[in-house]
């Protein structure tokens, strides 16, 4: 793998994981918020409004590892068991009945992340191919959604706009050295494939949670 391709993957990977991380920090920070606004409506009752539990560092890192895995390989029943185990630990620590709801909120957050990241990455590729910044109405609507729903900070979606403009120039900046170099398309395609894998994993979680709720 050449150096420029590694840089593109590094930049895209950090941006992607950073977005997912910001989603979960905001989903599970200890303040009051409307679950029906930020979570996928298939996972949360429309009238739900409550204060989420604050996760410990270990619990947060465990969810981060599960999310990172979702970008690289298919989820299995083992991953579903891991998700349930994380929330069982939270439930035991807090004494609150949060295990099932926590798993559903996690899946809803991952769905929010996937919807935004998939459209953003497609715009990134379109910008590269056309040599012009491409921003679709769908991406603008998703940006507005994630900011208004307090799922991701405005600064994060603003930095994504800068990446779209960089893609149109086909030049990427090394985040470690500050040097600029040609941007290989292959790195963006690889990241899109990883995001698509995340989407398939979200579908897997949806199906697994649907089966759980009917038992």
N, C-alpha and C. Protein backbone atom coordinates (compact mmCIF):
# COMPACT_ATOMS: atom_id res chain seq x y z
N UNK A 1 0.86 -1.20 0.00
CA UNK A 1 0.00 0.00 0.00
C UNK A 1 0.89 1.25 0.00
N UNK A 2 0.70 2.16 -0.98
CA UNK A 2 1.57 3.33 -1.04
C UNK A 2 1.23 4.34 0.06
N UNK A 3 2.14 5.28 0.25
CA UNK A 3 2.03 6.22 1.36
C UNK A 3 0.79 7.08 1.25
N UNK A 4 0.51 7.59 0.06
CA UNK A 4 -0.65 8.47 -0.12
C UNK A 4 -1.95 7.72 0.20
N UNK A 5 -2.02 6.45 -0.23
CA UNK A 5 -3.22 5.67 0.06
C UNK A 5 -3.39 5.46 1.55
N UNK A 6 -2.29 5.21 2.26
CA UNK A 6 -2.36 5.04 3.71
C UNK A 6 -2.86 6.31 4.38
N UNK A 7 -2.43 7.48 3.86
CA UNK A 7 -2.86 8.76 4.44
C UNK A 7 -4.35 8.97 4.23
N UNK A 8 -4.84 8.64 3.02
CA UNK A 8 -6.28 8.80 2.75
C UNK A 8 -7.08 7.91 3.69
N UNK A 9 -6.64 6.66 3.86
CA UNK A 9 -7.36 5.75 4.75
C UNK A 9 -7.30 6.25 6.18
N UNK A 10 -6.14 6.80 6.58
CA UNK A 10 -5.99 7.34 7.94
C UNK A 10 -6.95 8.50 8.16
N UNK A 11 -6.96 9.45 7.22
CA UNK A 11 -7.84 10.62 7.36
C UNK A 11 -9.30 10.19 7.39
N UNK A 12 -9.69 9.33 6.44
CA UNK A 12 -11.08 8.88 6.36
C UNK A 12 -11.46 8.06 7.58
N UNK A 13 -10.55 7.20 8.02
CA UNK A 13 -10.84 6.35 9.17
C UNK A 13 -11.02 7.16 10.45
N UNK A 14 -10.14 8.12 10.66
CA UNK A 14 -10.23 8.97 11.85
C UNK A 14 -11.53 9.77 11.82
N UNK A 15 -11.87 10.31 10.64
CA UNK A 15 -13.11 11.09 10.52
C UNK A 15 -14.33 10.22 10.79
N UNK A 16 -14.31 9.00 10.24
CA UNK A 16 -15.46 8.10 10.41
C UNK A 16 -15.63 7.68 11.86
N UNK A 17 -14.54 7.20 12.47
CA UNK A 17 -14.62 6.76 13.86
C UNK A 17 -14.90 7.94 14.79
N UNK A 18 -14.37 9.13 14.41
CA UNK A 18 -14.64 10.31 15.23
C UNK A 18 -16.12 10.67 15.21
N UNK A 19 -16.75 10.52 14.04
CA UNK A 19 -18.18 10.81 13.95
C UNK A 19 -18.97 9.80 14.78
N UNK A 20 -18.65 8.51 14.64
CA UNK A 20 -19.36 7.49 15.41
C UNK A 20 -19.16 7.73 16.90
N UNK A 21 -17.93 8.07 17.28
CA UNK A 21 -17.67 8.35 18.69
C UNK A 21 -18.48 9.51 19.22
N UNK A 22 -18.61 10.57 18.39
CA UNK A 22 -19.39 11.73 18.83
C UNK A 22 -20.86 11.38 18.98
N UNK A 23 -21.35 10.48 18.12
CA UNK A 23 -22.74 10.04 18.23
C UNK A 23 -22.98 9.40 19.60
N UNK A 24 -22.10 8.48 19.99
CA UNK A 24 -22.34 7.75 21.23
C UNK A 24 -22.04 8.60 22.47
N UNK A 25 -21.09 9.52 22.36
CA UNK A 25 -20.86 10.42 23.50
C UNK A 25 -22.10 11.24 23.78
N UNK A 26 -22.77 11.70 22.72
CA UNK A 26 -23.96 12.53 22.89
C UNK A 26 -25.18 11.70 23.25
N UNK A 27 -25.23 10.45 22.75
CA UNK A 27 -26.37 9.59 23.09
C UNK A 27 -26.37 9.24 24.57
N UNK A 28 -25.20 9.03 25.14
CA UNK A 28 -25.14 8.49 26.49
C UNK A 28 -24.52 9.44 27.51
N UNK A 29 -24.40 10.74 27.15
CA UNK A 29 -23.93 11.70 28.14
C UNK A 29 -25.05 11.90 29.17
N UNK A 30 -24.71 12.28 30.39
CA UNK A 30 -25.72 12.33 31.46
C UNK A 30 -26.52 13.63 31.51
N UNK A 31 -27.29 13.93 30.43
CA UNK A 31 -28.21 15.06 30.48
C UNK A 31 -29.53 14.63 29.85
N UNK A 32 -30.58 15.40 30.08
CA UNK A 32 -31.91 15.04 29.59
C UNK A 32 -32.03 15.36 28.11
N UNK A 33 -32.65 14.46 27.36
CA UNK A 33 -32.87 14.71 25.95
C UNK A 33 -34.02 13.86 25.44
N UNK A 34 -34.52 14.22 24.23
CA UNK A 34 -35.66 13.50 23.65
C UNK A 34 -35.17 12.31 22.84
N UNK A 35 -35.41 11.12 23.33
CA UNK A 35 -34.98 9.92 22.61
C UNK A 35 -35.67 9.79 21.27
N UNK A 36 -36.94 10.21 21.20
CA UNK A 36 -37.64 10.03 19.93
C UNK A 36 -37.14 10.98 18.87
N UNK A 37 -36.36 11.99 19.24
CA UNK A 37 -35.79 12.90 18.26
C UNK A 37 -34.51 12.35 17.68
N UNK A 38 -33.65 11.76 18.54
CA UNK A 38 -32.32 11.38 18.09
C UNK A 38 -32.19 9.92 17.75
N UNK A 39 -33.04 9.05 18.27
CA UNK A 39 -32.90 7.62 18.02
C UNK A 39 -33.82 7.17 16.90
N UNK A 40 -33.41 6.09 16.26
CA UNK A 40 -34.24 5.51 15.22
C UNK A 40 -35.60 5.15 15.82
N UNK A 41 -36.69 5.60 15.19
CA UNK A 41 -38.03 5.43 15.77
C UNK A 41 -38.44 3.97 15.87
N UNK A 42 -37.73 3.09 15.16
CA UNK A 42 -38.06 1.67 15.29
C UNK A 42 -37.54 1.09 16.60
N UNK A 43 -36.63 1.81 17.25
CA UNK A 43 -36.01 1.28 18.46
C UNK A 43 -36.58 1.87 19.74
N UNK A 44 -37.20 3.06 19.65
CA UNK A 44 -37.60 3.77 20.86
C UNK A 44 -39.06 4.19 20.75
N UNK A 45 -39.81 4.02 21.80
CA UNK A 45 -41.22 4.42 21.82
C UNK A 45 -41.35 5.91 21.54
N UNK A 46 -42.35 6.33 20.76
CA UNK A 46 -42.50 7.73 20.38
C UNK A 46 -42.60 8.67 21.56
N UNK A 47 -43.15 8.21 22.68
CA UNK A 47 -43.32 9.12 23.81
C UNK A 47 -42.18 9.02 24.81
N UNK A 48 -41.08 8.35 24.40
CA UNK A 48 -39.97 8.17 25.35
C UNK A 48 -39.23 9.48 25.55
N UNK A 49 -39.01 9.83 26.80
CA UNK A 49 -38.19 10.99 27.15
C UNK A 49 -37.63 10.73 28.52
N UNK A 50 -36.32 10.61 28.61
CA UNK A 50 -35.73 10.25 29.88
C UNK A 50 -34.27 10.62 29.92
N UNK A 51 -33.71 10.51 31.09
CA UNK A 51 -32.30 10.81 31.27
C UNK A 51 -31.50 9.53 31.07
N UNK A 52 -30.58 9.50 30.08
CA UNK A 52 -29.81 8.28 29.83
C UNK A 52 -28.77 8.07 30.92
N UNK A 53 -28.37 6.82 31.11
CA UNK A 53 -27.33 6.54 32.08
C UNK A 53 -26.00 7.00 31.52
N UNK A 54 -25.12 7.45 32.40
CA UNK A 54 -23.78 7.83 32.00
C UNK A 54 -22.91 6.58 32.01
N UNK A 55 -22.23 6.31 30.91
CA UNK A 55 -21.39 5.13 30.82
C UNK A 55 -20.02 5.39 31.44
N UNK A 56 -19.44 4.36 32.00
CA UNK A 56 -18.07 4.45 32.50
C UNK A 56 -17.11 4.43 31.33
N UNK A 57 -15.84 4.75 31.59
CA UNK A 57 -14.84 4.72 30.51
C UNK A 57 -14.73 3.33 29.92
N UNK A 58 -14.72 2.31 30.76
CA UNK A 58 -14.60 0.94 30.26
C UNK A 58 -15.79 0.55 29.39
N UNK A 59 -16.99 0.96 29.80
CA UNK A 59 -18.18 0.65 29.02
C UNK A 59 -18.17 1.38 27.68
N UNK A 60 -17.73 2.65 27.71
CA UNK A 60 -17.63 3.42 26.48
C UNK A 60 -16.63 2.81 25.52
N UNK A 61 -15.48 2.41 26.04
CA UNK A 61 -14.46 1.80 25.20
C UNK A 61 -14.94 0.48 24.61
N UNK A 62 -15.70 -0.27 25.38
CA UNK A 62 -16.24 -1.54 24.88
C UNK A 62 -17.18 -1.30 23.70
N UNK A 63 -18.03 -0.28 23.81
CA UNK A 63 -18.93 0.05 22.70
C UNK A 63 -18.15 0.58 21.50
N UNK A 64 -17.10 1.36 21.76
CA UNK A 64 -16.26 1.86 20.67
C UNK A 64 -15.61 0.71 19.91
N UNK A 65 -15.14 -0.29 20.64
CA UNK A 65 -14.51 -1.44 19.98
C UNK A 65 -15.53 -2.19 19.12
N UNK A 66 -16.74 -2.32 19.62
CA UNK A 66 -17.79 -2.99 18.85
C UNK A 66 -18.13 -2.19 17.59
N UNK A 67 -18.18 -0.87 17.72
CA UNK A 67 -18.46 -0.01 16.57
C UNK A 67 -17.35 -0.11 15.53
N UNK A 68 -16.10 -0.10 15.99
CA UNK A 68 -14.96 -0.20 15.07
C UNK A 68 -15.00 -1.53 14.32
N UNK A 69 -15.34 -2.59 15.03
CA UNK A 69 -15.46 -3.90 14.39
C UNK A 69 -16.53 -3.88 13.30
N UNK A 70 -17.58 -3.11 13.54
CA UNK A 70 -18.67 -3.03 12.57
C UNK A 70 -18.27 -2.44 11.24
N UNK A 71 -17.13 -1.74 11.19
CA UNK A 71 -16.64 -1.16 9.95
C UNK A 71 -15.77 -2.13 9.17
N UNK A 72 -15.37 -3.24 9.79
CA UNK A 72 -14.38 -4.10 9.16
C UNK A 72 -14.86 -5.52 8.87
N UNK A 73 -15.88 -5.99 9.59
CA UNK A 73 -16.32 -7.37 9.37
C UNK A 73 -17.77 -7.53 9.79
N UNK A 74 -18.42 -8.57 9.30
CA UNK A 74 -19.83 -8.78 9.63
C UNK A 74 -20.02 -9.09 11.11
N UNK A 75 -21.08 -8.55 11.68
CA UNK A 75 -21.45 -8.93 13.04
C UNK A 75 -22.00 -10.36 13.03
N UNK A 76 -21.81 -11.02 14.15
CA UNK A 76 -22.35 -12.36 14.34
C UNK A 76 -23.14 -12.39 15.64
N UNK A 77 -23.67 -13.56 15.95
CA UNK A 77 -24.40 -13.71 17.22
C UNK A 77 -23.49 -13.40 18.40
N UNK A 78 -22.19 -13.63 18.24
CA UNK A 78 -21.23 -13.33 19.31
C UNK A 78 -21.20 -11.84 19.60
N UNK A 79 -21.26 -11.02 18.56
CA UNK A 79 -21.26 -9.57 18.75
C UNK A 79 -22.54 -9.12 19.44
N UNK A 80 -23.65 -9.75 19.07
CA UNK A 80 -24.91 -9.43 19.74
C UNK A 80 -24.83 -9.79 21.22
N UNK A 81 -24.20 -10.92 21.52
CA UNK A 81 -24.01 -11.31 22.92
C UNK A 81 -23.12 -10.31 23.65
N UNK A 82 -22.09 -9.81 22.94
CA UNK A 82 -21.19 -8.82 23.55
C UNK A 82 -21.93 -7.54 23.87
N UNK A 83 -22.81 -7.11 22.94
CA UNK A 83 -23.59 -5.90 23.16
C UNK A 83 -24.50 -6.07 24.38
N UNK A 84 -25.15 -7.20 24.47
CA UNK A 84 -26.03 -7.46 25.61
C UNK A 84 -25.22 -7.52 26.91
N UNK A 85 -24.02 -8.09 26.84
CA UNK A 85 -23.18 -8.21 28.03
C UNK A 85 -22.73 -6.84 28.54
N UNK A 86 -22.41 -5.94 27.60
CA UNK A 86 -22.00 -4.59 28.00
C UNK A 86 -23.13 -3.91 28.77
N UNK A 87 -24.35 -4.02 28.23
CA UNK A 87 -25.48 -3.35 28.89
C UNK A 87 -25.91 -4.07 30.16
N UNK A 88 -25.63 -5.36 30.25
CA UNK A 88 -25.91 -6.07 31.50
C UNK A 88 -24.99 -5.55 32.61
N UNK A 89 -23.75 -5.23 32.24
CA UNK A 89 -22.81 -4.65 33.20
C UNK A 89 -23.30 -3.28 33.66
N UNK A 90 -23.78 -2.47 32.69
CA UNK A 90 -24.31 -1.14 33.02
C UNK A 90 -25.49 -1.27 33.97
N UNK A 91 -26.37 -2.23 33.68
CA UNK A 91 -27.56 -2.43 34.50
C UNK A 91 -27.17 -2.85 35.91
N UNK A 92 -26.20 -3.73 36.02
CA UNK A 92 -25.76 -4.19 37.34
C UNK A 92 -25.12 -3.05 38.13
N UNK A 93 -24.34 -2.21 37.43
CA UNK A 93 -23.65 -1.11 38.10
C UNK A 93 -24.62 -0.04 38.57
N UNK A 94 -25.62 0.28 37.74
CA UNK A 94 -26.52 1.39 38.06
C UNK A 94 -27.76 0.96 38.83
N UNK A 95 -28.09 -0.34 38.75
CA UNK A 95 -29.31 -0.80 39.38
C UNK A 95 -30.56 -0.40 38.63
N UNK A 96 -30.37 0.06 37.37
CA UNK A 96 -31.51 0.48 36.55
C UNK A 96 -31.75 -0.54 35.44
N UNK A 97 -33.00 -0.71 35.07
CA UNK A 97 -33.37 -1.65 34.03
C UNK A 97 -33.11 -1.03 32.66
N UNK A 98 -31.84 -1.08 32.21
CA UNK A 98 -31.45 -0.37 30.99
C UNK A 98 -30.88 -1.29 29.92
N UNK A 99 -30.73 -2.58 30.20
CA UNK A 99 -30.01 -3.44 29.26
C UNK A 99 -30.66 -3.50 27.89
N UNK A 100 -31.97 -3.75 27.83
CA UNK A 100 -32.64 -3.87 26.53
C UNK A 100 -32.73 -2.51 25.84
N UNK A 101 -33.11 -1.50 26.60
CA UNK A 101 -33.23 -0.15 26.03
C UNK A 101 -31.87 0.36 25.56
N UNK A 102 -30.82 0.07 26.33
CA UNK A 102 -29.49 0.52 25.94
C UNK A 102 -29.04 -0.08 24.63
N UNK A 103 -29.30 -1.38 24.44
CA UNK A 103 -28.93 -2.04 23.20
C UNK A 103 -29.68 -1.43 22.02
N UNK A 104 -30.95 -1.10 22.23
CA UNK A 104 -31.74 -0.51 21.15
C UNK A 104 -31.27 0.91 20.83
N UNK A 105 -30.93 1.66 21.86
CA UNK A 105 -30.43 3.01 21.62
C UNK A 105 -29.09 2.98 20.89
N UNK A 106 -28.26 1.99 21.24
CA UNK A 106 -26.97 1.82 20.55
C UNK A 106 -27.22 1.56 19.06
N UNK A 107 -28.14 0.64 18.76
CA UNK A 107 -28.46 0.34 17.37
C UNK A 107 -29.00 1.57 16.65
N UNK A 108 -29.85 2.35 17.35
CA UNK A 108 -30.38 3.56 16.75
C UNK A 108 -29.29 4.57 16.46
N UNK A 109 -28.34 4.69 17.39
CA UNK A 109 -27.22 5.61 17.18
C UNK A 109 -26.35 5.19 16.02
N UNK A 110 -26.12 3.88 15.92
CA UNK A 110 -25.31 3.37 14.82
C UNK A 110 -26.02 3.60 13.48
N UNK A 111 -27.34 3.50 13.47
CA UNK A 111 -28.12 3.78 12.26
C UNK A 111 -27.96 5.24 11.85
N UNK A 112 -28.03 6.16 12.83
CA UNK A 112 -27.84 7.58 12.54
C UNK A 112 -26.46 7.81 11.92
N UNK A 113 -25.44 7.18 12.52
CA UNK A 113 -24.07 7.35 12.03
C UNK A 113 -23.95 6.82 10.61
N UNK A 114 -24.50 5.64 10.36
CA UNK A 114 -24.41 5.05 9.02
C UNK A 114 -25.09 5.92 7.97
N UNK A 115 -26.31 6.38 8.25
CA UNK A 115 -27.05 7.18 7.27
C UNK A 115 -26.24 8.40 6.83
N UNK A 116 -25.64 9.08 7.80
CA UNK A 116 -24.87 10.28 7.48
C UNK A 116 -23.57 9.92 6.76
N UNK A 117 -22.83 8.96 7.32
CA UNK A 117 -21.52 8.63 6.77
C UNK A 117 -21.61 8.08 5.35
N UNK A 118 -22.63 7.29 5.08
CA UNK A 118 -22.77 6.72 3.75
C UNK A 118 -23.02 7.80 2.70
N UNK A 119 -23.91 8.73 3.01
CA UNK A 119 -24.18 9.80 2.05
C UNK A 119 -22.97 10.72 1.91
N UNK A 120 -22.30 11.00 3.03
CA UNK A 120 -21.11 11.85 2.98
C UNK A 120 -20.02 11.23 2.12
N UNK A 121 -19.77 9.93 2.30
CA UNK A 121 -18.71 9.28 1.55
C UNK A 121 -19.02 9.23 0.06
N UNK A 122 -20.29 9.05 -0.29
CA UNK A 122 -20.67 9.07 -1.69
C UNK A 122 -20.48 10.46 -2.30
N UNK A 123 -20.75 11.50 -1.51
CA UNK A 123 -20.50 12.87 -1.98
C UNK A 123 -19.00 13.12 -2.16
N UNK A 124 -18.22 12.53 -1.26
CA UNK A 124 -16.76 12.66 -1.34
C UNK A 124 -16.25 12.07 -2.66
N UNK A 125 -16.74 10.89 -2.99
CA UNK A 125 -16.33 10.24 -4.24
C UNK A 125 -16.81 11.02 -5.46
N UNK A 126 -18.04 11.50 -5.41
CA UNK A 126 -18.57 12.28 -6.52
C UNK A 126 -17.76 13.56 -6.72
N UNK A 127 -17.33 14.17 -5.63
CA UNK A 127 -16.52 15.38 -5.71
C UNK A 127 -15.17 15.08 -6.35
N UNK A 128 -14.59 13.96 -6.00
CA UNK A 128 -13.31 13.55 -6.57
C UNK A 128 -13.46 13.31 -8.07
N UNK A 129 -14.50 12.58 -8.46
CA UNK A 129 -14.68 12.21 -9.86
C UNK A 129 -15.01 13.42 -10.74
N UNK A 130 -15.78 14.35 -10.21
CA UNK A 130 -16.20 15.51 -11.01
C UNK A 130 -15.24 16.69 -10.90
N UNK A 131 -14.29 16.60 -9.95
CA UNK A 131 -13.37 17.71 -9.65
C UNK A 131 -14.12 18.97 -9.22
N UNK A 132 -15.33 18.77 -8.70
CA UNK A 132 -16.14 19.86 -8.17
C UNK A 132 -16.78 19.39 -6.87
N UNK A 133 -16.88 20.27 -5.86
CA UNK A 133 -17.53 19.87 -4.61
C UNK A 133 -18.98 19.46 -4.86
N UNK A 134 -19.37 18.30 -4.39
CA UNK A 134 -20.73 17.78 -4.56
C UNK A 134 -21.38 17.62 -3.20
N UNK A 135 -22.49 18.31 -3.01
CA UNK A 135 -23.28 18.19 -1.78
C UNK A 135 -24.74 17.98 -2.17
N UNK A 136 -25.27 16.83 -1.87
CA UNK A 136 -26.64 16.50 -2.27
C UNK A 136 -27.66 17.05 -1.28
N UNK A 137 -28.91 17.23 -1.72
CA UNK A 137 -29.97 17.63 -0.79
C UNK A 137 -30.11 16.64 0.37
N UNK A 138 -29.89 15.36 0.09
CA UNK A 138 -29.98 14.34 1.15
C UNK A 138 -28.91 14.57 2.21
N UNK A 139 -27.69 14.88 1.78
CA UNK A 139 -26.62 15.14 2.75
C UNK A 139 -26.93 16.38 3.57
N UNK A 140 -27.43 17.42 2.93
CA UNK A 140 -27.78 18.65 3.66
C UNK A 140 -28.86 18.36 4.71
N UNK A 141 -29.84 17.54 4.32
CA UNK A 141 -30.91 17.19 5.26
C UNK A 141 -30.36 16.37 6.43
N UNK A 142 -29.44 15.45 6.15
CA UNK A 142 -28.86 14.63 7.21
C UNK A 142 -27.97 15.47 8.12
N UNK A 143 -27.25 16.42 7.54
CA UNK A 143 -26.45 17.34 8.36
C UNK A 143 -27.35 18.09 9.34
N UNK A 144 -28.43 18.62 8.81
CA UNK A 144 -29.36 19.38 9.64
C UNK A 144 -29.93 18.50 10.74
N UNK A 145 -30.26 17.25 10.38
CA UNK A 145 -30.83 16.31 11.34
C UNK A 145 -29.88 16.02 12.49
N UNK A 146 -28.62 15.67 12.14
CA UNK A 146 -27.70 15.26 13.20
C UNK A 146 -27.30 16.43 14.09
N UNK A 147 -27.29 17.65 13.52
CA UNK A 147 -26.95 18.82 14.34
C UNK A 147 -28.13 19.22 15.22
N UNK A 148 -29.32 19.32 14.63
CA UNK A 148 -30.49 19.72 15.40
C UNK A 148 -30.85 18.69 16.47
N UNK A 149 -30.63 17.41 16.16
CA UNK A 149 -30.93 16.36 17.12
C UNK A 149 -29.81 16.20 18.15
N UNK A 150 -28.76 17.03 18.00
CA UNK A 150 -27.63 17.00 18.94
C UNK A 150 -26.92 15.65 18.90
N UNK A 151 -26.94 15.02 17.73
CA UNK A 151 -26.25 13.75 17.55
C UNK A 151 -24.77 13.98 17.27
N UNK A 152 -24.45 15.04 16.52
CA UNK A 152 -23.06 15.36 16.21
C UNK A 152 -22.88 16.87 16.29
N UNK A 153 -21.68 17.33 16.67
CA UNK A 153 -21.47 18.78 16.78
C UNK A 153 -21.42 19.46 15.42
N UNK A 154 -21.82 20.71 15.39
CA UNK A 154 -21.80 21.47 14.14
C UNK A 154 -20.39 21.54 13.56
N UNK A 155 -19.38 21.59 14.45
CA UNK A 155 -18.00 21.67 14.00
C UNK A 155 -17.61 20.44 13.18
N UNK A 156 -18.16 19.28 13.57
CA UNK A 156 -17.82 18.03 12.88
C UNK A 156 -18.36 18.05 11.45
N UNK A 157 -19.60 18.45 11.25
CA UNK A 157 -20.14 18.46 9.89
C UNK A 157 -19.50 19.57 9.06
N UNK A 158 -19.05 20.63 9.73
CA UNK A 158 -18.34 21.69 9.01
C UNK A 158 -17.00 21.19 8.49
N UNK A 159 -16.30 20.41 9.30
CA UNK A 159 -15.02 19.85 8.85
C UNK A 159 -15.23 18.86 7.72
N UNK A 160 -16.37 18.18 7.71
CA UNK A 160 -16.68 17.27 6.60
C UNK A 160 -16.85 18.06 5.31
N UNK A 161 -17.40 19.26 5.39
CA UNK A 161 -17.53 20.10 4.21
C UNK A 161 -16.15 20.43 3.62
N UNK A 162 -15.19 20.65 4.49
CA UNK A 162 -13.82 20.94 4.04
C UNK A 162 -13.23 19.74 3.32
N UNK A 163 -13.54 18.53 3.83
CA UNK A 163 -13.03 17.31 3.18
C UNK A 163 -13.60 17.15 1.78
N UNK A 164 -14.86 17.53 1.59
CA UNK A 164 -15.48 17.46 0.27
C UNK A 164 -14.75 18.39 -0.70
N UNK A 165 -14.39 19.58 -0.23
CA UNK A 165 -13.66 20.51 -1.09
C UNK A 165 -12.26 19.99 -1.39
N UNK A 166 -11.63 19.33 -0.42
CA UNK A 166 -10.31 18.74 -0.65
C UNK A 166 -10.40 17.63 -1.69
N UNK A 167 -11.46 16.82 -1.60
CA UNK A 167 -11.63 15.73 -2.55
C UNK A 167 -11.75 16.26 -3.97
N UNK A 168 -12.40 17.41 -4.14
CA UNK A 168 -12.55 18.01 -5.47
C UNK A 168 -11.20 18.43 -6.05
N UNK A 169 -10.24 18.76 -5.18
CA UNK A 169 -8.90 19.14 -5.64
C UNK A 169 -8.00 17.93 -5.84
N UNK A 170 -8.44 16.77 -5.32
CA UNK A 170 -7.67 15.52 -5.37
C UNK A 170 -6.34 15.64 -4.64
N UNK A 171 -6.32 16.50 -3.64
CA UNK A 171 -5.13 16.68 -2.81
C UNK A 171 -5.53 16.47 -1.35
N UNK A 172 -4.72 15.72 -0.61
CA UNK A 172 -5.00 15.46 0.78
C UNK A 172 -3.83 15.95 1.63
N UNK A 173 -4.15 16.42 2.84
CA UNK A 173 -3.10 16.89 3.75
C UNK A 173 -2.80 15.80 4.77
N UNK A 174 -1.53 15.50 4.92
CA UNK A 174 -1.11 14.54 5.93
C UNK A 174 -1.37 15.15 7.31
N UNK A 175 -2.25 14.55 8.14
CA UNK A 175 -2.57 15.14 9.44
C UNK A 175 -1.40 15.12 10.42
N UNK A 176 -0.37 14.32 10.11
CA UNK A 176 0.78 14.21 11.01
C UNK A 176 1.87 15.21 10.66
N UNK A 177 2.09 15.44 9.35
CA UNK A 177 3.18 16.33 8.93
C UNK A 177 2.69 17.65 8.34
N UNK A 178 1.42 17.70 7.94
CA UNK A 178 0.91 18.91 7.31
C UNK A 178 1.21 18.99 5.83
N UNK A 179 1.97 18.03 5.31
CA UNK A 179 2.33 18.04 3.89
C UNK A 179 1.12 17.63 3.04
N UNK A 180 1.05 18.19 1.83
CA UNK A 180 -0.03 17.88 0.93
C UNK A 180 0.45 16.93 -0.15
N UNK A 181 -0.42 15.99 -0.55
CA UNK A 181 -0.04 14.99 -1.56
C UNK A 181 -1.27 14.57 -2.34
N UNK A 182 -1.07 13.95 -3.51
CA UNK A 182 -2.22 13.49 -4.30
C UNK A 182 -3.10 12.53 -3.50
N UNK A 183 -4.41 12.63 -3.72
CA UNK A 183 -5.38 11.80 -2.99
C UNK A 183 -5.80 10.62 -3.88
N UNK A 184 -5.42 9.39 -3.52
CA UNK A 184 -5.84 8.23 -4.33
C UNK A 184 -7.33 7.94 -4.14
N UNK A 185 -8.02 7.69 -5.23
CA UNK A 185 -9.44 7.35 -5.16
C UNK A 185 -9.66 6.04 -4.41
N UNK A 186 -8.70 5.13 -4.52
CA UNK A 186 -8.84 3.81 -3.92
C UNK A 186 -9.12 3.86 -2.42
N UNK A 187 -8.50 4.83 -1.74
CA UNK A 187 -8.71 4.95 -0.30
C UNK A 187 -10.14 5.32 0.03
N UNK A 188 -10.75 6.20 -0.76
CA UNK A 188 -12.13 6.59 -0.51
C UNK A 188 -13.10 5.44 -0.81
N UNK A 189 -12.77 4.66 -1.86
CA UNK A 189 -13.61 3.51 -2.19
C UNK A 189 -13.55 2.48 -1.06
N UNK A 190 -12.35 2.25 -0.54
CA UNK A 190 -12.19 1.30 0.56
C UNK A 190 -13.00 1.73 1.78
N UNK A 191 -12.97 3.03 2.10
CA UNK A 191 -13.73 3.51 3.25
C UNK A 191 -15.23 3.38 2.99
N UNK A 192 -15.67 3.61 1.76
CA UNK A 192 -17.09 3.44 1.43
C UNK A 192 -17.51 1.99 1.66
N UNK A 193 -16.66 1.05 1.27
CA UNK A 193 -16.97 -0.36 1.50
C UNK A 193 -17.10 -0.66 3.00
N UNK A 194 -16.26 -0.03 3.79
CA UNK A 194 -16.33 -0.24 5.24
C UNK A 194 -17.62 0.34 5.81
N UNK A 195 -18.02 1.49 5.31
CA UNK A 195 -19.27 2.10 5.77
C UNK A 195 -20.46 1.25 5.34
N UNK A 196 -20.39 0.69 4.13
CA UNK A 196 -21.46 -0.20 3.69
C UNK A 196 -21.53 -1.44 4.56
N UNK A 197 -20.36 -1.91 5.03
CA UNK A 197 -20.36 -3.04 5.96
C UNK A 197 -21.05 -2.65 7.26
N UNK A 198 -20.80 -1.43 7.70
CA UNK A 198 -21.47 -0.93 8.90
C UNK A 198 -22.98 -0.96 8.71
N UNK A 199 -23.45 -0.56 7.52
CA UNK A 199 -24.89 -0.59 7.24
C UNK A 199 -25.47 -1.99 7.33
N UNK A 200 -24.74 -2.96 6.80
CA UNK A 200 -25.22 -4.34 6.89
C UNK A 200 -25.25 -4.82 8.34
N UNK A 201 -24.29 -4.34 9.12
CA UNK A 201 -24.27 -4.72 10.54
C UNK A 201 -25.41 -4.07 11.32
N UNK A 202 -25.77 -2.85 10.94
CA UNK A 202 -26.93 -2.21 11.58
C UNK A 202 -28.20 -3.01 11.27
N UNK A 203 -28.31 -3.48 10.03
CA UNK A 203 -29.47 -4.31 9.67
C UNK A 203 -29.48 -5.60 10.50
N UNK A 204 -28.30 -6.16 10.72
CA UNK A 204 -28.20 -7.37 11.54
C UNK A 204 -28.68 -7.11 12.97
N UNK A 205 -28.26 -5.97 13.53
CA UNK A 205 -28.70 -5.62 14.88
C UNK A 205 -30.20 -5.41 14.93
N UNK A 206 -30.73 -4.74 13.91
CA UNK A 206 -32.19 -4.52 13.84
C UNK A 206 -32.92 -5.85 13.90
N UNK A 207 -32.48 -6.81 13.07
CA UNK A 207 -33.15 -8.10 13.02
C UNK A 207 -33.03 -8.85 14.33
N UNK A 208 -31.82 -8.83 14.91
CA UNK A 208 -31.60 -9.54 16.17
C UNK A 208 -32.43 -8.94 17.29
N UNK A 209 -32.52 -7.61 17.33
CA UNK A 209 -33.30 -6.96 18.39
C UNK A 209 -34.79 -7.18 18.18
N UNK A 210 -35.22 -7.27 16.92
CA UNK A 210 -36.63 -7.54 16.64
C UNK A 210 -37.01 -8.92 17.15
N UNK A 211 -36.12 -9.89 16.96
CA UNK A 211 -36.38 -11.25 17.45
C UNK A 211 -36.43 -11.25 18.97
N UNK A 212 -35.52 -10.51 19.60
CA UNK A 212 -35.47 -10.44 21.05
C UNK A 212 -36.75 -9.86 21.62
N UNK A 213 -37.30 -8.82 20.95
CA UNK A 213 -38.49 -8.14 21.47
C UNK A 213 -39.75 -8.99 21.36
N UNK A 214 -39.72 -10.01 20.51
CA UNK A 214 -40.92 -10.84 20.33
C UNK A 214 -40.92 -12.06 21.26
N UNK A 215 -39.82 -12.25 21.97
CA UNK A 215 -39.73 -13.41 22.86
C UNK A 215 -40.46 -13.15 24.17
